[in-house]
C-alpha atoms as a PDB file:
ATOM      1  CA  MET A   1      96.622 112.654   9.632  1.00  0.00           C
ATOM      2  CA  SER A   2      98.418 109.415   9.445  1.00  0.00           C
ATOM      3  CA  GLU A   3     101.156 108.610  12.190  1.00  0.00           C
ATOM      4  CA  ASP A   4     102.549 105.636  10.994  1.00  0.00           C
ATOM      5  CA  GLY A   5     106.133 104.669  11.718  1.00  0.00           C
ATOM      6  CA  ALA A   6     107.777 107.063   9.323  1.00  0.00           C
ATOM      7  CA  VAL A   7     107.820 109.937  12.030  1.00  0.00           C
ATOM      8  CA  GLY A   8     110.415 109.756  14.462  1.00  0.00           C
ATOM      9  CA  GLN A   9     110.393 111.057  18.266  1.00  0.00           C
ATOM     10  CA  VAL A  10     112.020 114.649  18.002  1.00  0.00           C
ATOM     11  CA  GLU A  11     109.232 114.732  15.156  1.00  0.00           C
ATOM     12  CA  ARG A  12     106.387 113.093  17.390  1.00  0.00           C
ATOM     13  CA  GLU A  13     107.276 115.377  20.009  1.00  0.00           C
ATOM     14  CA  ALA A  14     106.770 118.421  17.508  1.00  0.00           C
ATOM     15  CA  LEU A  15     103.368 117.112  16.750  1.00  0.00           C
ATOM     16  CA  ASP A  16     102.630 116.690  20.463  1.00  0.00           C
ATOM     17  CA  ARG A  17     103.424 120.365  21.183  1.00  0.00           C
ATOM     18  CA  VAL A  18     101.746 121.683  18.137  1.00  0.00           C
ATOM     19  CA  ARG A  19      98.594 119.851  19.432  1.00  0.00           C
ATOM     20  CA  GLU A  20      99.007 120.859  23.027  1.00  0.00           C
ATOM     21  CA  ARG A  21      99.441 124.350  21.994  1.00  0.00           C
ATOM     22  CA  LEU A  22      96.194 124.113  19.813  1.00  0.00           C
ATOM     23  CA  ALA A  23      94.064 122.686  22.454  1.00  0.00           C
ATOM     24  CA  ALA A  24      95.300 125.664  25.035  1.00  0.00           C
ATOM     25  CA  LEU A  25      94.505 128.263  22.373  1.00  0.00           C
ATOM     26  CA  ARG A  26      90.981 127.054  21.898  1.00  0.00           C
ATOM     27  CA  ARG A  27      90.374 126.989  25.870  1.00  0.00           C
ATOM     28  CA  ASP A  28      91.805 130.512  25.570  1.00  0.00           C
ATOM     29  CA  GLN A  29      89.827 131.799  22.898  1.00  0.00           C
ATOM     30  CA  TYR A  30      86.553 130.458  24.725  1.00  0.00           C
ATOM     31  CA  ARG A  31      87.677 131.951  27.966  1.00  0.00           C
ATOM     32  CA  LEU A  32      87.920 135.458  26.151  1.00  0.00           C
ATOM     33  CA  LEU A  33      84.582 135.022  24.592  1.00  0.00           C
ATOM     34  CA  GLU A  34      82.975 134.310  28.342  1.00  0.00           C
ATOM     35  CA  ASP A  35      85.047 137.518  29.369  1.00  0.00           C
ATOM     36  CA  ILE A  36      83.448 139.519  26.362  1.00  0.00           C
ATOM     37  CA  ALA A  37      80.132 138.163  27.449  1.00  0.00           C
ATOM     38  CA  ASP A  38      80.460 139.347  30.978  1.00  0.00           C
ATOM     39  CA  LEU A  39      81.583 143.020  29.152  1.00  0.00           C
ATOM     40  CA  GLN A  40      78.529 142.862  27.462  1.00  0.00           C
ATOM     41  CA  ARG A  41      76.061 141.577  30.353  1.00  0.00           C
ATOM     42  CA  LEU A  42      77.561 144.408  33.006  1.00  0.00           C
ATOM     43  CA  GLY A  43      77.355 147.106  29.678  1.00  0.00           C
ATOM     44  CA  VAL A  44      81.086 147.899  30.668  1.00  0.00           C
ATOM     45  CA  ALA A  45      81.409 149.897  27.438  1.00  0.00           C
ATOM     46  CA  GLN A  46      78.428 152.149  28.112  1.00  0.00           C
ATOM     47  CA  GLN A  47      80.266 152.683  31.807  1.00  0.00           C
ATOM     48  CA  THR A  48      83.337 153.461  30.255  1.00  0.00           C
ATOM     49  CA  GLY A  49      82.221 156.111  27.274  1.00  0.00           C
ATOM     50  CA  ASP A  50      82.618 153.607  24.363  1.00  0.00           C
ATOM     51  CA  ARG A  51      78.765 153.227  24.119  1.00  0.00           C
ATOM     52  CA  PHE A  52      79.572 149.472  22.497  1.00  0.00           C
ATOM     53  CA  THR A  53      81.550 146.857  23.462  1.00  0.00           C
ATOM     54  CA  GLU A  54      83.126 146.474  19.602  1.00  0.00           C
ATOM     55  CA  ARG A  55      84.859 149.938  20.520  1.00  0.00           C
ATOM     56  CA  LEU A  56      85.844 149.124  23.334  1.00  0.00           C
ATOM     57  CA  LEU A  57      87.530 146.203  22.043  1.00  0.00           C
ATOM     58  CA  GLN A  58      89.132 148.008  19.459  1.00  0.00           C
ATOM     59  CA  ASP A  59      90.473 150.191  22.168  1.00  0.00           C
ATOM     60  CA  LEU A  60      91.422 147.238  24.666  1.00  0.00           C
ATOM     61  CA  GLY A  61      93.332 144.902  21.786  1.00  0.00           C
ATOM     62  CA  ARG A  62      94.193 147.463  19.352  1.00  0.00           C
ATOM     63  CA  LEU A  63      91.724 145.338  16.700  1.00  0.00           C
ATOM     64  CA  ILE A  64      90.480 146.421  13.761  1.00  0.00           C
ATOM     65  CA  ARG A  65      86.888 147.027  13.522  1.00  0.00           C
ATOM     66  CA  ARG A  66      85.943 143.541  11.741  1.00  0.00           C
ATOM     67  CA  ASP A  67      88.073 141.629  14.372  1.00  0.00           C
ATOM     68  CA  ALA A  68      85.969 143.026  17.485  1.00  0.00           C
ATOM     69  CA  ASP A  69      82.682 142.777  15.519  1.00  0.00           C
ATOM     70  CA  ARG A  70      83.466 139.047  15.100  1.00  0.00           C
ATOM     71  CA  LEU A  71      84.457 138.562  18.709  1.00  0.00           C
ATOM     72  CA  VAL A  72      81.106 140.367  19.676  1.00  0.00           C
ATOM     73  CA  VAL A  73      79.035 138.129  17.795  1.00  0.00           C
ATOM     74  CA  GLU A  74      80.594 134.804  18.719  1.00  0.00           C
ATOM     75  CA  SER A  75      80.671 135.706  22.492  1.00  0.00           C
ATOM     76  CA  ALA A  76      76.883 136.452  22.113  1.00  0.00           C
ATOM     77  CA  VAL A  77      75.979 132.778  22.119  1.00  0.00           C
ATOM     78  CA  LEU A  78      76.953 132.712  25.933  1.00  0.00           C
ATOM     79  CA  LEU A  79      74.757 135.415  26.729  1.00  0.00           C
ATOM     80  CA  PRO A  80      71.550 134.642  28.318  1.00  0.00           C
ATOM     81  CA  GLN A  81      68.248 134.945  25.452  1.00  0.00           C
ATOM     82  CA  LEU A  82      65.072 135.305  25.798  1.00  0.00           C
ATOM     83  CA  SER A  83      62.684 133.313  24.042  1.00  0.00           C
ATOM     84  CA  LEU A  84      59.736 134.607  22.031  1.00  0.00           C
ATOM     85  CA  SER A  85      57.741 134.251  24.971  1.00  0.00           C
ATOM     86  CA  GLY A  86      59.590 136.451  27.260  1.00  0.00           C
ATOM     87  CA  GLY A  87      61.412 133.862  29.490  1.00  0.00           C
ATOM     88  CA  PRO A  88      64.814 132.765  29.917  1.00  0.00           C
END
């Protein structure tokens, strides 16, 4: 994006606000994925009777199944993984 001299002060402030909000949104999304990974690691869905974290997320966030599934898949990269040899 080219921010040449054609952009005035008001427009530059609007651009800065959007840039800051996008960065905050990314931080919040990452924190959410960390929290979902914690739910998975702790087995909270099984303890609450939901059986699956995806179902728990549907209830907690009033999400459609596709969105809940996507969040669980994305959060999985934050969980400890076992190698083929069985080590962490």
